[in-house]
Amino acid sequence: MKPTVVLHGYEAVREALVDLGEEFSGRGSFPVLERANKGLGIILSNGNRCKEMRHLSVMILWSFGMRKRNIEDCVQEEARCLVEELRKNKCG
């Protein structure tokens, strides 16, 4: 049995990854999964790799407009564009 933290919701995830990133940087060990993904990925990363992945993830979210707009607005805009493209390319 090991302590586990589960985060739910944007604010909780943001607080953990941005405001309290150092406290949440440790991860447990999963040897089978580590062998399968060769130590890559965001969920099972540890130490410096975890910091790098967290920073990259935040930068990517910012590039999608997370600082300026609500993520829901971004998703709805992308969905509208997708529907528009599907209508343009509709066969028949």
N, C-alpha and C. Protein backbone atom coordinates (compact mmCIF):
# COMPACT_ATOMS: atom_id res chain seq x y z
N MET A 1 0.85 -1.18 0.00
CA MET A 1 0.00 0.00 0.00
C MET A 1 0.89 1.24 0.00
N LYS A 2 0.63 2.12 -0.95
CA LYS A 2 1.38 3.37 -1.06
C LYS A 2 0.41 4.53 -1.14
N PRO A 3 0.79 5.67 -0.57
CA PRO A 3 -0.08 6.85 -0.68
C PRO A 3 -0.28 7.23 -2.15
N THR A 4 -1.50 7.61 -2.49
CA THR A 4 -1.84 7.98 -3.85
C THR A 4 -2.66 9.26 -3.85
N VAL A 5 -2.41 10.12 -4.82
CA VAL A 5 -3.17 11.35 -4.96
C VAL A 5 -3.87 11.31 -6.32
N VAL A 6 -5.17 11.56 -6.31
CA VAL A 6 -5.95 11.64 -7.55
C VAL A 6 -6.48 13.05 -7.66
N LEU A 7 -6.25 13.69 -8.78
CA LEU A 7 -6.70 15.06 -9.00
C LEU A 7 -7.87 15.08 -9.97
N HIS A 8 -8.82 15.95 -9.70
CA HIS A 8 -10.00 16.07 -10.56
C HIS A 8 -10.29 17.54 -10.78
N GLY A 9 -10.41 17.94 -12.02
CA GLY A 9 -10.76 19.31 -12.36
C GLY A 9 -9.55 20.16 -12.70
N TYR A 10 -9.80 21.15 -13.53
CA TYR A 10 -8.74 22.02 -14.03
C TYR A 10 -8.00 22.73 -12.90
N GLU A 11 -8.73 23.33 -11.97
CA GLU A 11 -8.10 24.10 -10.89
C GLU A 11 -7.19 23.23 -10.04
N ALA A 12 -7.64 22.01 -9.71
CA ALA A 12 -6.84 21.11 -8.88
C ALA A 12 -5.57 20.68 -9.62
N VAL A 13 -5.70 20.35 -10.90
CA VAL A 13 -4.54 19.94 -11.69
C VAL A 13 -3.58 21.10 -11.85
N ARG A 14 -4.10 22.28 -12.12
CA ARG A 14 -3.25 23.47 -12.27
C ARG A 14 -2.50 23.76 -10.97
N GLU A 15 -3.19 23.71 -9.85
CA GLU A 15 -2.54 23.97 -8.57
C GLU A 15 -1.42 22.96 -8.32
N ALA A 16 -1.67 21.69 -8.61
CA ALA A 16 -0.67 20.65 -8.38
C ALA A 16 0.52 20.79 -9.32
N LEU A 17 0.26 21.03 -10.60
CA LEU A 17 1.35 21.05 -11.58
C LEU A 17 2.08 22.38 -11.65
N VAL A 18 1.39 23.48 -11.39
CA VAL A 18 2.02 24.80 -11.52
C VAL A 18 2.42 25.35 -10.16
N ASP A 19 1.45 25.49 -9.27
CA ASP A 19 1.73 26.13 -7.98
C ASP A 19 2.52 25.23 -7.03
N LEU A 20 2.25 23.94 -7.03
CA LEU A 20 2.89 23.01 -6.10
C LEU A 20 3.66 21.93 -6.85
N GLY A 21 4.21 22.27 -7.98
CA GLY A 21 4.88 21.30 -8.85
C GLY A 21 5.97 20.50 -8.17
N GLU A 22 6.76 21.15 -7.34
CA GLU A 22 7.86 20.44 -6.68
C GLU A 22 7.33 19.37 -5.73
N GLU A 23 6.26 19.67 -5.01
CA GLU A 23 5.69 18.71 -4.06
C GLU A 23 5.05 17.52 -4.76
N PHE A 24 4.57 17.72 -6.00
CA PHE A 24 3.89 16.67 -6.73
C PHE A 24 4.79 16.01 -7.78
N SER A 25 6.08 16.24 -7.71
CA SER A 25 6.96 15.73 -8.76
C SER A 25 7.35 14.27 -8.58
N GLY A 26 7.21 13.69 -7.40
CA GLY A 26 7.59 12.30 -7.18
C GLY A 26 6.56 11.33 -7.74
N ARG A 27 7.01 10.19 -8.18
CA ARG A 27 6.13 9.16 -8.72
C ARG A 27 6.53 7.81 -8.15
N GLY A 28 5.60 6.90 -8.12
CA GLY A 28 5.89 5.53 -7.71
C GLY A 28 6.60 4.79 -8.81
N SER A 29 7.00 3.58 -8.50
CA SER A 29 7.73 2.77 -9.46
C SER A 29 6.81 1.67 -10.00
N PHE A 30 6.77 1.53 -11.32
CA PHE A 30 6.00 0.48 -12.00
C PHE A 30 6.93 -0.19 -13.01
N PRO A 31 7.75 -1.14 -12.57
CA PRO A 31 8.79 -1.72 -13.42
C PRO A 31 8.29 -2.23 -14.77
N VAL A 32 7.16 -2.91 -14.81
CA VAL A 32 6.66 -3.46 -16.08
C VAL A 32 6.34 -2.34 -17.06
N LEU A 33 5.64 -1.31 -16.57
CA LEU A 33 5.29 -0.19 -17.44
C LEU A 33 6.52 0.62 -17.83
N GLU A 34 7.47 0.77 -16.91
CA GLU A 34 8.69 1.50 -17.23
C GLU A 34 9.47 0.80 -18.34
N ARG A 35 9.48 -0.52 -18.31
CA ARG A 35 10.16 -1.28 -19.35
C ARG A 35 9.42 -1.12 -20.69
N ALA A 36 8.09 -1.11 -20.63
CA ALA A 36 7.29 -1.01 -21.85
C ALA A 36 7.42 0.35 -22.52
N ASN A 37 7.45 1.43 -21.72
CA ASN A 37 7.51 2.77 -22.33
C ASN A 37 8.92 3.36 -22.31
N LYS A 38 9.90 2.55 -21.89
CA LYS A 38 11.32 2.93 -21.90
C LYS A 38 11.58 4.22 -21.12
N GLY A 39 10.82 4.43 -20.05
CA GLY A 39 11.02 5.61 -19.20
C GLY A 39 10.48 6.90 -19.78
N LEU A 40 9.77 6.82 -20.89
CA LEU A 40 9.22 8.01 -21.53
C LEU A 40 7.77 8.21 -21.11
N GLY A 41 7.24 9.36 -21.36
CA GLY A 41 5.84 9.64 -21.05
C GLY A 41 5.71 10.60 -19.89
N ILE A 42 4.48 11.03 -19.65
CA ILE A 42 4.25 12.03 -18.62
C ILE A 42 3.74 11.43 -17.31
N ILE A 43 3.00 10.35 -17.38
CA ILE A 43 2.37 9.81 -16.19
C ILE A 43 3.37 9.15 -15.25
N LEU A 44 4.31 8.38 -15.78
CA LEU A 44 5.24 7.65 -14.94
C LEU A 44 6.61 8.30 -14.85
N SER A 45 6.78 9.51 -15.39
CA SER A 45 8.09 10.15 -15.35
C SER A 45 8.43 10.59 -13.94
N ASN A 46 9.72 10.73 -13.67
CA ASN A 46 10.20 11.08 -12.34
C ASN A 46 11.35 12.08 -12.44
N GLY A 47 11.60 12.83 -11.38
CA GLY A 47 12.75 13.72 -11.29
C GLY A 47 12.78 14.78 -12.37
N ASN A 48 13.96 14.95 -13.01
CA ASN A 48 14.12 15.98 -14.03
C ASN A 48 13.22 15.75 -15.23
N ARG A 49 13.05 14.48 -15.61
CA ARG A 49 12.17 14.18 -16.76
C ARG A 49 10.75 14.66 -16.45
N CYS A 50 10.30 14.44 -15.22
CA CYS A 50 8.97 14.88 -14.82
C CYS A 50 8.86 16.39 -14.93
N LYS A 51 9.88 17.11 -14.46
CA LYS A 51 9.88 18.57 -14.53
C LYS A 51 9.83 19.04 -15.98
N GLU A 52 10.63 18.41 -16.82
CA GLU A 52 10.65 18.78 -18.24
C GLU A 52 9.30 18.52 -18.90
N MET A 53 8.71 17.35 -18.62
CA MET A 53 7.43 17.00 -19.21
C MET A 53 6.32 17.93 -18.72
N ARG A 54 6.35 18.26 -17.43
CA ARG A 54 5.36 19.17 -16.87
C ARG A 54 5.47 20.54 -17.52
N HIS A 55 6.71 21.03 -17.66
CA HIS A 55 6.93 22.33 -18.29
C HIS A 55 6.45 22.32 -19.74
N LEU A 56 6.79 21.27 -20.47
CA LEU A 56 6.35 21.15 -21.86
C LEU A 56 4.83 21.13 -21.95
N SER A 57 4.19 20.38 -21.06
CA SER A 57 2.72 20.29 -21.07
C SER A 57 2.07 21.65 -20.83
N VAL A 58 2.60 22.39 -19.87
CA VAL A 58 2.06 23.73 -19.58
C VAL A 58 2.26 24.65 -20.77
N MET A 59 3.44 24.59 -21.39
CA MET A 59 3.71 25.44 -22.56
C MET A 59 2.77 25.10 -23.72
N ILE A 60 2.50 23.83 -23.93
CA ILE A 60 1.58 23.42 -25.00
C ILE A 60 0.18 23.93 -24.71
N LEU A 61 -0.28 23.79 -23.46
CA LEU A 61 -1.61 24.30 -23.10
C LEU A 61 -1.68 25.81 -23.30
N TRP A 62 -0.61 26.51 -22.94
CA TRP A 62 -0.59 27.96 -23.14
C TRP A 62 -0.67 28.30 -24.63
N SER A 63 0.01 27.51 -25.46
CA SER A 63 -0.02 27.77 -26.91
C SER A 63 -1.42 27.58 -27.48
N PHE A 64 -2.25 26.75 -26.82
CA PHE A 64 -3.63 26.57 -27.24
C PHE A 64 -4.55 27.64 -26.67
N GLY A 65 -3.97 28.62 -25.96
CA GLY A 65 -4.78 29.72 -25.46
C GLY A 65 -5.30 29.55 -24.05
N MET A 66 -4.74 28.63 -23.28
CA MET A 66 -5.24 28.40 -21.93
C MET A 66 -5.13 29.64 -21.05
N ARG A 67 -4.14 30.49 -21.27
CA ARG A 67 -4.00 31.70 -20.46
C ARG A 67 -5.08 32.71 -20.79
N LYS A 68 -5.50 32.72 -22.03
CA LYS A 68 -6.40 33.77 -22.50
C LYS A 68 -7.86 33.37 -22.47
N ARG A 69 -8.13 32.11 -22.68
CA ARG A 69 -9.51 31.66 -22.79
C ARG A 69 -9.74 30.40 -21.98
N ASN A 70 -10.99 30.14 -21.78
CA ASN A 70 -11.41 28.91 -21.11
C ASN A 70 -11.16 27.74 -22.07
N ILE A 71 -10.72 26.60 -21.56
CA ILE A 71 -10.47 25.44 -22.41
C ILE A 71 -11.73 25.01 -23.14
N GLU A 72 -12.89 25.19 -22.51
CA GLU A 72 -14.16 24.83 -23.15
C GLU A 72 -14.35 25.65 -24.43
N ASP A 73 -14.00 26.93 -24.39
CA ASP A 73 -14.11 27.77 -25.59
C ASP A 73 -13.22 27.24 -26.71
N CYS A 74 -12.00 26.82 -26.35
CA CYS A 74 -11.07 26.27 -27.34
C CYS A 74 -11.63 24.99 -27.96
N VAL A 75 -12.16 24.12 -27.14
CA VAL A 75 -12.71 22.85 -27.63
C VAL A 75 -13.91 23.12 -28.54
N GLN A 76 -14.79 24.04 -28.14
CA GLN A 76 -15.96 24.35 -28.96
C GLN A 76 -15.55 24.96 -30.29
N GLU A 77 -14.53 25.81 -30.27
CA GLU A 77 -14.06 26.40 -31.53
C GLU A 77 -13.51 25.32 -32.45
N GLU A 78 -12.72 24.40 -31.92
CA GLU A 78 -12.18 23.32 -32.73
C GLU A 78 -13.29 22.42 -33.26
N ALA A 79 -14.32 22.17 -32.43
CA ALA A 79 -15.45 21.35 -32.87
C ALA A 79 -16.20 22.04 -34.01
N ARG A 80 -16.40 23.35 -33.90
CA ARG A 80 -17.08 24.09 -34.99
C ARG A 80 -16.29 23.99 -36.29
N CYS A 81 -14.97 24.14 -36.19
CA CYS A 81 -14.12 24.03 -37.39
C CYS A 81 -14.20 22.64 -38.00
N LEU A 82 -14.21 21.62 -37.15
CA LEU A 82 -14.30 20.24 -37.63
C LEU A 82 -15.63 20.02 -38.34
N VAL A 83 -16.73 20.47 -37.74
CA VAL A 83 -18.05 20.31 -38.37
C VAL A 83 -18.09 21.04 -39.70
N GLU A 84 -17.52 22.23 -39.76
CA GLU A 84 -17.49 23.00 -41.00
C GLU A 84 -16.73 22.25 -42.09
N GLU A 85 -15.58 21.68 -41.74
CA GLU A 85 -14.79 20.90 -42.71
C GLU A 85 -15.53 19.66 -43.15
N LEU A 86 -16.21 18.99 -42.23
CA LEU A 86 -16.97 17.80 -42.59
C LEU A 86 -18.11 18.16 -43.55
N ARG A 87 -18.76 19.28 -43.32
CA ARG A 87 -19.85 19.71 -44.23
C ARG A 87 -19.31 20.04 -45.61
N LYS A 88 -18.14 20.68 -45.68
CA LYS A 88 -17.53 21.02 -46.96
C LYS A 88 -17.20 19.77 -47.77
N ASN A 89 -16.74 18.74 -47.09
CA ASN A 89 -16.26 17.53 -47.76
C ASN A 89 -17.28 16.42 -47.81
N LYS A 90 -18.53 16.74 -47.49
CA LYS A 90 -19.56 15.71 -47.49
C LYS A 90 -19.77 15.15 -48.89
N CYS A 91 -19.74 13.85 -48.99
CA CYS A 91 -19.94 13.19 -50.28
C CYS A 91 -21.44 12.97 -50.49
N GLY A 92 -21.87 13.05 -51.71
CA GLY A 92 -23.24 12.71 -51.98
C GLY A 92 -23.89 13.81 -52.63
